[in-house]
C-alpha cells in the first residue's frame, strides 16, 4: 500500500509555501536548509533542502531546486475538491493571483464547480467542488 505525497521543486520554496498557506489556509510545519547539513557548501547554506507544509488540509513537501533549473510544465495538475462553493471560490481566487486562469471557476456539466489555474510559480491547479445531488 502506498501513500501519495506531493513534492514540489521550487526556485524559492519558502515564498511558494507561504503563498500556498495564504491561498489555501494552513501552515509551514518545518524547514531544513542545506546549511544544517554536514559539510554544506557556503553558496547553498540558505537554500531549502526540505520543507513540510499543511495547506488546504493536505501535506506537501518542497525544496529549492539547486542542481537543475525549474522548467514550467503541464504534465502534472494538483486537483483540489472542496465541500462548499465558497471554499472553492476563495482558493481559486487566491491561487490565481499573479497566475493565469486557464478555465474560469464555473458550473460544469457534471454538477460541480470547476476551474483550472496555472499559479504564479507554474504549478497547475484544478479546483472543483463535490457534485451536487440531483
Protein backbone atom coordinates (compact mmCIF):
# COMPACT_ATOMS: atom_id res chain seq x y z
CA UNK A 1 0.00 0.00 0.00
CA UNK A 2 1.39 3.40 -0.92
CA UNK A 3 0.80 6.89 0.40
CA UNK A 4 0.83 9.76 -2.09
CA UNK A 5 2.66 12.96 -1.10
CA UNK A 6 3.01 15.89 -3.44
CA UNK A 7 6.65 17.04 -3.60
CA UNK A 8 7.28 20.36 -5.32
CA UNK A 9 10.69 21.50 -6.56
CA UNK A 10 10.88 25.29 -6.44
CA UNK A 11 13.00 28.30 -7.28
CA UNK A 12 12.04 29.74 -3.84
CA UNK A 13 10.39 27.10 -1.65
CA UNK A 14 9.78 29.42 1.31
CA UNK A 15 7.96 32.06 -0.75
CA UNK A 16 5.97 29.43 -2.64
CA UNK A 17 4.98 27.66 0.61
CA UNK A 18 3.91 30.97 2.16
CA UNK A 19 1.76 31.65 -0.92
CA UNK A 20 0.06 28.23 -0.67
CA UNK A 21 -0.65 28.59 3.06
CA UNK A 22 -2.14 32.04 2.30
CA UNK A 23 -4.21 30.76 -0.63
CA UNK A 24 -5.40 27.51 0.93
CA UNK A 25 -5.03 28.08 4.67
CA UNK A 26 -2.56 26.12 6.76
CA UNK A 27 0.98 26.43 7.98
CA UNK A 28 4.60 25.64 7.29
CA UNK A 29 5.44 22.76 9.62
CA UNK A 30 9.23 22.54 9.23
CA UNK A 31 12.10 23.90 7.17
CA UNK A 32 15.60 22.41 6.83
CA UNK A 33 18.28 24.23 4.89
CA UNK A 34 21.44 22.97 3.25
CA UNK A 35 23.31 24.91 5.94
CA UNK A 36 22.03 22.42 8.51
CA UNK A 37 23.65 19.52 6.65
CA UNK A 38 27.18 18.33 7.40
CA UNK A 39 29.78 19.81 5.06
CA UNK A 40 27.30 22.18 3.40
CA UNK A 41 28.54 24.39 0.59
CA UNK A 42 28.56 28.05 1.60
CA UNK A 43 26.63 29.18 -1.51
CA UNK A 44 23.80 26.75 -0.67
CA UNK A 45 23.55 27.36 3.10
CA UNK A 46 20.26 29.32 2.91
CA UNK A 47 18.64 27.10 0.27
CA UNK A 48 15.81 24.82 1.42
CA UNK A 49 16.63 21.10 1.33
CA UNK A 50 13.24 20.05 2.76
CA UNK A 51 10.12 21.99 3.74
CA UNK A 52 6.92 20.45 5.04
CA UNK A 53 3.63 22.31 4.93
CA UNK A 54 -0.03 21.71 5.51
CA UNK A 55 -2.24 23.65 3.09
CA UNK A 56 -5.93 23.07 2.46
CA UNK A 57 -5.74 20.12 4.85
CA UNK A 58 -3.15 18.39 2.62
CA UNK A 59 0.50 17.68 3.40
CA UNK A 60 3.02 18.91 0.82
CA UNK A 61 6.82 18.65 0.74
CA UNK A 62 9.04 21.14 -1.09
CA UNK A 63 12.66 22.04 -1.69
CA UNK A 64 14.69 24.55 -3.63
CA UNK A 65 15.97 23.12 -6.88
CA UNK A 66 19.70 23.76 -6.66
CA UNK A 67 21.08 21.20 -9.10
CA UNK A 68 18.92 21.84 -12.17
CA UNK A 69 16.65 24.68 -13.29
CA UNK A 70 12.89 24.59 -12.89
CA UNK A 71 11.08 24.12 -16.20
CA UNK A 72 7.42 25.03 -16.21
CA UNK A 73 5.30 22.18 -17.49
CA UNK A 74 1.76 20.98 -17.82
CA UNK A 75 2.09 17.24 -17.20
CA UNK A 76 1.05 17.37 -13.54
CA UNK A 77 -2.05 19.08 -12.15
CA UNK A 78 -2.97 19.26 -8.48
CA UNK A 79 -6.71 18.72 -8.12
CA UNK A 80 -8.45 20.03 -5.00
CA UNK A 81 -12.10 19.21 -4.32
CA UNK A 82 -13.88 21.44 -1.80
CA UNK A 83 -17.12 20.76 0.04
CA UNK A 84 -18.51 24.28 -0.44
CA UNK A 85 -18.65 26.72 -3.34
CA UNK A 86 -17.32 29.49 -1.06
CA UNK A 87 -14.17 27.49 -0.18
CA UNK A 88 -13.57 26.67 -3.83
CA UNK A 89 -14.02 30.29 -4.94
CA UNK A 90 -11.70 31.59 -2.22
CA UNK A 91 -8.92 29.10 -3.07
CA UNK A 92 -9.38 29.69 -6.82
CA UNK A 93 -9.20 33.48 -6.50
CA UNK A 94 -6.13 33.39 -4.26
CA UNK A 95 -4.23 30.80 -6.34
CA UNK A 96 -4.98 32.87 -9.46
CA UNK A 97 -3.24 35.96 -8.01
CA UNK A 98 -0.25 36.61 -10.27
CA UNK A 99 -1.04 33.47 -12.25
CA UNK A 100 -3.07 32.56 -15.30
CA UNK A 101 -6.67 31.38 -15.36
CA UNK A 102 -6.92 28.54 -17.88
CA UNK A 103 -10.63 27.91 -17.28
CA UNK A 104 -12.77 30.13 -15.03
CA UNK A 105 -14.40 28.57 -11.97
CA UNK A 106 -17.97 27.93 -13.08
CA UNK A 107 -20.64 25.24 -13.05
CA UNK A 108 -19.64 22.14 -15.02
CA UNK A 109 -21.90 19.66 -16.76
CA UNK A 110 -21.34 17.04 -14.03
CA UNK A 111 -22.97 19.22 -11.35
CA UNK A 112 -19.94 20.76 -9.65
CA UNK A 113 -17.92 23.93 -9.93
CA UNK A 114 -14.71 23.50 -11.91
CA UNK A 115 -11.82 25.82 -12.73
CA UNK A 116 -8.21 25.47 -13.88
CA UNK A 117 -5.28 27.75 -12.96
CA UNK A 118 -1.57 27.98 -13.57
CA UNK A 119 -0.30 29.74 -10.44
CA UNK A 120 2.49 32.30 -10.45
CA UNK A 121 5.02 29.50 -9.83
CA UNK A 122 3.93 27.49 -12.88
CA UNK A 123 2.00 24.84 -10.91
CA UNK A 124 -1.27 23.72 -12.49
CA UNK A 125 -4.31 23.51 -10.18
CA UNK A 126 -7.78 22.06 -10.85
CA UNK A 127 -10.29 23.44 -8.36
CA UNK A 128 -13.65 21.72 -8.03
CA UNK A 129 -16.50 21.11 -5.62
CA UNK A 130 -18.33 17.96 -4.75
CA UNK A 131 -21.05 17.30 -7.34
CA UNK A 132 -24.48 18.49 -6.24
CA UNK A 133 -27.06 15.77 -5.74
CA UNK A 134 -29.81 15.87 -8.34
